């Protein structure tokens, strides 16, 4: 998948999460332009959300949690969000940034470096076992 395709898919996931959130928090909005700290802000409750799409997790058994790209901190390392929302084909899985960092640390999840499909530079990420991450999340059915 090329970067532009990945970006478009990610934007679609952000919009789906936003639509769900706006049912309860109409003031929620997607941050426009590049912002590595968060994707969605909810001013009324002063919360920030990071949205990550991982459709491949159903096949790999892992959720990818990026921590650097091209040698620079990114993802979990630079997020200023309160919550991470992992979007799969069927559900949204929500976990606090603090709980996500704790999970990676306490479970001694190894950090892997690789060049992702469509990327030109290496990224480092934790490959968190999907079921382990889901155990720490609360699940949201976006169709409900």
C-alpha atoms as a PDB file:
ATOM      1  CA  UNK A   1       0.000   0.000   0.000  1.00  0.00           C
ATOM      2  CA  UNK A   2       1.422   3.373  -0.995  1.00  0.00           C
ATOM      3  CA  UNK A   3       1.599   6.229   1.521  1.00  0.00           C
ATOM      4  CA  UNK A   4      -1.280   8.170  -0.076  1.00  0.00           C
ATOM      5  CA  UNK A   5      -3.496   5.057   0.072  1.00  0.00           C
ATOM      6  CA  UNK A   6      -2.525   4.458   3.695  1.00  0.00           C
ATOM      7  CA  UNK A   7      -3.165   8.126   4.501  1.00  0.00           C
ATOM      8  CA  UNK A   8      -6.621   7.990   2.870  1.00  0.00           C
ATOM      9  CA  UNK A   9      -7.511   4.814   4.774  1.00  0.00           C
ATOM     10  CA  UNK A  10      -6.322   6.410   8.027  1.00  0.00           C
ATOM     11  CA  UNK A  11      -8.384   9.523   7.307  1.00  0.00           C
ATOM     12  CA  UNK A  12     -11.446   7.339   6.766  1.00  0.00           C
ATOM     13  CA  UNK A  13     -10.881   5.706  10.164  1.00  0.00           C
ATOM     14  CA  UNK A  14     -10.448   9.097  11.838  1.00  0.00           C
ATOM     15  CA  UNK A  15     -13.747  10.255  10.333  1.00  0.00           C
ATOM     16  CA  UNK A  16     -15.513   7.091  11.537  1.00  0.00           C
ATOM     17  CA  UNK A  17     -14.214   7.585  15.088  1.00  0.00           C
ATOM     18  CA  UNK A  18     -15.152  11.276  14.939  1.00  0.00           C
ATOM     19  CA  UNK A  19     -18.704  10.460  13.819  1.00  0.00           C
ATOM     20  CA  UNK A  20     -19.053   8.059  16.728  1.00  0.00           C
ATOM     21  CA  UNK A  21     -17.666  10.585  19.237  1.00  0.00           C
ATOM     22  CA  UNK A  22     -19.825  13.443  17.976  1.00  0.00           C
ATOM     23  CA  UNK A  23     -22.964  11.550  19.041  1.00  0.00           C
ATOM     24  CA  UNK A  24     -21.991  12.357  22.627  1.00  0.00           C
ATOM     25  CA  UNK A  25     -19.506  15.210  22.109  1.00  0.00           C
ATOM     26  CA  UNK A  26     -20.708  17.406  19.224  1.00  0.00           C
ATOM     27  CA  UNK A  27     -17.715  19.722  19.664  1.00  0.00           C
ATOM     28  CA  UNK A  28     -15.196  16.969  18.795  1.00  0.00           C
ATOM     29  CA  UNK A  29     -13.137  17.686  15.688  1.00  0.00           C
ATOM     30  CA  UNK A  30     -10.243  16.298  13.664  1.00  0.00           C
ATOM     31  CA  UNK A  31      -7.058  18.325  13.859  1.00  0.00           C
ATOM     32  CA  UNK A  32      -6.291  19.584  10.365  1.00  0.00           C
ATOM     33  CA  UNK A  33      -2.771  19.464   8.985  1.00  0.00           C
ATOM     34  CA  UNK A  34       0.100  17.465  10.377  1.00  0.00           C
ATOM     35  CA  UNK A  35      -0.062  16.862  14.115  1.00  0.00           C
ATOM     36  CA  UNK A  36       1.960  14.050  15.653  1.00  0.00           C
ATOM     37  CA  UNK A  37       0.483  14.572  19.130  1.00  0.00           C
ATOM     38  CA  UNK A  38      -3.166  13.665  18.381  1.00  0.00           C
ATOM     39  CA  UNK A  39      -5.829  13.275  15.680  1.00  0.00           C
ATOM     40  CA  UNK A  40      -9.074  14.296  17.414  1.00  0.00           C
ATOM     41  CA  UNK A  41      -9.742  16.870  20.128  1.00  0.00           C
ATOM     42  CA  UNK A  42     -12.822  17.017  22.346  1.00  0.00           C
ATOM     43  CA  UNK A  43     -12.745  20.526  23.880  1.00  0.00           C
ATOM     44  CA  UNK A  44     -15.731  20.036  26.210  1.00  0.00           C
ATOM     45  CA  UNK A  45     -13.907  17.322  28.175  1.00  0.00           C
ATOM     46  CA  UNK A  46     -10.355  18.428  27.329  1.00  0.00           C
ATOM     47  CA  UNK A  47      -9.388  15.064  25.821  1.00  0.00           C
ATOM     48  CA  UNK A  48      -7.195  14.158  22.876  1.00  0.00           C
ATOM     49  CA  UNK A  49      -7.534  11.005  20.790  1.00  0.00           C
ATOM     50  CA  UNK A  50      -5.024   9.197  18.559  1.00  0.00           C
ATOM     51  CA  UNK A  51      -6.579   6.962  15.887  1.00  0.00           C
ATOM     52  CA  UNK A  52      -4.719   3.980  14.437  1.00  0.00           C
ATOM     53  CA  UNK A  53      -6.131   1.667  11.810  1.00  0.00           C
ATOM     54  CA  UNK A  54      -4.873  -1.921  11.856  1.00  0.00           C
ATOM     55  CA  UNK A  55      -6.949  -4.173   9.620  1.00  0.00           C
ATOM     56  CA  UNK A  56      -4.015  -6.584   9.231  1.00  0.00           C
ATOM     57  CA  UNK A  57      -4.128  -7.494  12.921  1.00  0.00           C
ATOM     58  CA  UNK A  58      -6.816 -10.086  12.252  1.00  0.00           C
ATOM     59  CA  UNK A  59      -4.271 -11.945  10.100  1.00  0.00           C
ATOM     60  CA  UNK A  60      -1.011 -11.217  11.926  1.00  0.00           C
ATOM     61  CA  UNK A  61      -2.341 -11.586  15.472  1.00  0.00           C
ATOM     62  CA  UNK A  62      -0.529  -8.365  16.431  1.00  0.00           C
ATOM     63  CA  UNK A  63      -1.453  -4.712  16.725  1.00  0.00           C
ATOM     64  CA  UNK A  64       1.315  -2.450  15.464  1.00  0.00           C
ATOM     65  CA  UNK A  65       2.237   0.363  17.868  1.00  0.00           C
ATOM     66  CA  UNK A  66       4.781   2.655  16.212  1.00  0.00           C
ATOM     67  CA  UNK A  67       7.428   4.400  18.298  1.00  0.00           C
ATOM     68  CA  UNK A  68       9.826   5.852  15.694  1.00  0.00           C
ATOM     69  CA  UNK A  69      10.057   6.560  11.986  1.00  0.00           C
ATOM     70  CA  UNK A  70      13.262   7.221  10.080  1.00  0.00           C
ATOM     71  CA  UNK A  71      15.160   7.404  13.362  1.00  0.00           C
ATOM     72  CA  UNK A  72      12.879  10.066  14.872  1.00  0.00           C
ATOM     73  CA  UNK A  73      10.423   9.486  17.726  1.00  0.00           C
ATOM     74  CA  UNK A  74       6.818   9.054  16.578  1.00  0.00           C
ATOM     75  CA  UNK A  75       3.605   7.286  17.520  1.00  0.00           C
ATOM     76  CA  UNK A  76       3.497   6.214  21.147  1.00  0.00           C
ATOM     77  CA  UNK A  77       6.740   8.140  21.834  1.00  0.00           C
ATOM     78  CA  UNK A  78       5.395  11.537  20.783  1.00  0.00           C
ATOM     79  CA  UNK A  79       1.666  11.238  21.318  1.00  0.00           C
ATOM     80  CA  UNK A  80       0.037  13.911  23.429  1.00  0.00           C
ATOM     81  CA  UNK A  81      -3.242  12.015  23.381  1.00  0.00           C
ATOM     82  CA  UNK A  82      -5.200  10.769  26.348  1.00  0.00           C
ATOM     83  CA  UNK A  83      -6.588   7.782  24.436  1.00  0.00           C
ATOM     84  CA  UNK A  84      -5.576   5.564  21.532  1.00  0.00           C
ATOM     85  CA  UNK A  85      -8.347   4.119  19.377  1.00  0.00           C
ATOM     86  CA  UNK A  86      -7.336   1.090  17.314  1.00  0.00           C
ATOM     87  CA  UNK A  87      -9.701   0.598  14.393  1.00  0.00           C
ATOM     88  CA  UNK A  88     -10.183  -2.932  13.087  1.00  0.00           C
ATOM     89  CA  UNK A  89     -12.693  -4.060  10.479  1.00  0.00           C
ATOM     90  CA  UNK A  90     -15.385  -4.732  13.094  1.00  0.00           C
ATOM     91  CA  UNK A  91     -14.664  -2.620  16.185  1.00  0.00           C
ATOM     92  CA  UNK A  92     -12.889   0.272  17.804  1.00  0.00           C
ATOM     93  CA  UNK A  93     -10.614  -0.696  20.705  1.00  0.00           C
ATOM     94  CA  UNK A  94      -9.922   2.125  23.144  1.00  0.00           C
ATOM     95  CA  UNK A  95      -7.026   2.272  25.594  1.00  0.00           C
ATOM     96  CA  UNK A  96      -5.446   5.125  27.499  1.00  0.00           C
ATOM     97  CA  UNK A  97      -1.952   6.162  26.434  1.00  0.00           C
ATOM     98  CA  UNK A  98      -0.761   5.455  29.968  1.00  0.00           C
ATOM     99  CA  UNK A  99      -2.181   1.895  29.885  1.00  0.00           C
ATOM    100  CA  UNK A 100      -0.734   1.290  26.405  1.00  0.00           C
ATOM    101  CA  UNK A 101       2.756   2.360  27.506  1.00  0.00           C
ATOM    102  CA  UNK A 102       2.414   0.247  30.644  1.00  0.00           C
ATOM    103  CA  UNK A 103       1.364  -2.801  28.611  1.00  0.00           C
ATOM    104  CA  UNK A 104       4.386  -2.492  26.307  1.00  0.00           C
ATOM    105  CA  UNK A 105       6.734  -2.058  29.268  1.00  0.00           C
ATOM    106  CA  UNK A 106       5.276  -4.676  31.632  1.00  0.00           C
ATOM    107  CA  UNK A 107       4.914  -7.355  28.961  1.00  0.00           C
ATOM    108  CA  UNK A 108       8.438  -6.662  27.653  1.00  0.00           C
ATOM    109  CA  UNK A 109       7.085  -6.355  24.117  1.00  0.00           C
ATOM    110  CA  UNK A 110      10.108  -6.325  21.798  1.00  0.00           C
ATOM    111  CA  UNK A 111      10.704  -3.366  19.542  1.00  0.00           C
ATOM    112  CA  UNK A 112      11.009  -4.366  15.861  1.00  0.00           C
ATOM    113  CA  UNK A 113      12.543  -2.252  13.093  1.00  0.00           C
ATOM    114  CA  UNK A 114      11.398  -2.707   9.499  1.00  0.00           C
ATOM    115  CA  UNK A 115      10.410  -0.823   6.364  1.00  0.00           C
ATOM    116  CA  UNK A 116       6.653  -0.900   5.986  1.00  0.00           C
ATOM    117  CA  UNK A 117       4.879  -1.440   2.703  1.00  0.00           C
ATOM    118  CA  UNK A 118       4.809   1.875   0.864  1.00  0.00           C
ATOM    119  CA  UNK A 119       7.406   3.422   3.210  1.00  0.00           C
ATOM    120  CA  UNK A 120      10.852   4.560   2.112  1.00  0.00           C
ATOM    121  CA  UNK A 121      12.328   4.740   5.596  1.00  0.00           C
ATOM    122  CA  UNK A 122      12.496   2.317   8.517  1.00  0.00           C
ATOM    123  CA  UNK A 123      10.082   2.438  11.403  1.00  0.00           C
ATOM    124  CA  UNK A 124      10.303   0.894  14.837  1.00  0.00           C
ATOM    125  CA  UNK A 125       7.201  -0.530  16.412  1.00  0.00           C
ATOM    126  CA  UNK A 126       5.967  -2.828  19.100  1.00  0.00           C
ATOM    127  CA  UNK A 127       4.019  -5.795  17.769  1.00  0.00           C
ATOM    128  CA  UNK A 128       1.573  -6.153  20.626  1.00  0.00           C
ATOM    129  CA  UNK A 129      -0.321  -9.456  20.672  1.00  0.00           C
ATOM    130  CA  UNK A 130      -3.827  -8.515  19.564  1.00  0.00           C
ATOM    131  CA  UNK A 131      -5.646 -10.453  22.283  1.00  0.00           C
ATOM    132  CA  UNK A 132      -3.378  -9.013  24.987  1.00  0.00           C
ATOM    133  CA  UNK A 133      -4.100  -5.462  23.835  1.00  0.00           C
ATOM    134  CA  UNK A 134      -7.824  -6.142  23.486  1.00  0.00           C
ATOM    135  CA  UNK A 135      -7.870  -7.470  27.065  1.00  0.00           C
ATOM    136  CA  UNK A 136      -6.736  -4.006  28.235  1.00  0.00           C
ATOM    137  CA  UNK A 137      -9.159  -2.054  26.031  1.00  0.00           C
ATOM    138  CA  UNK A 138     -12.804  -1.360  26.030  1.00  0.00           C
ATOM    139  CA  UNK A 139     -14.527  -2.324  22.807  1.00  0.00           C
ATOM    140  CA  UNK A 140     -16.852  -0.064  20.877  1.00  0.00           C
ATOM    141  CA  UNK A 141     -19.052  -1.333  18.076  1.00  0.00           C
ATOM    142  CA  UNK A 142     -19.234   1.704  15.790  1.00  0.00           C
ATOM    143  CA  UNK A 143     -22.452   0.442  14.225  1.00  0.00           C
ATOM    144  CA  UNK A 144     -24.288   0.447  17.569  1.00  0.00           C
END
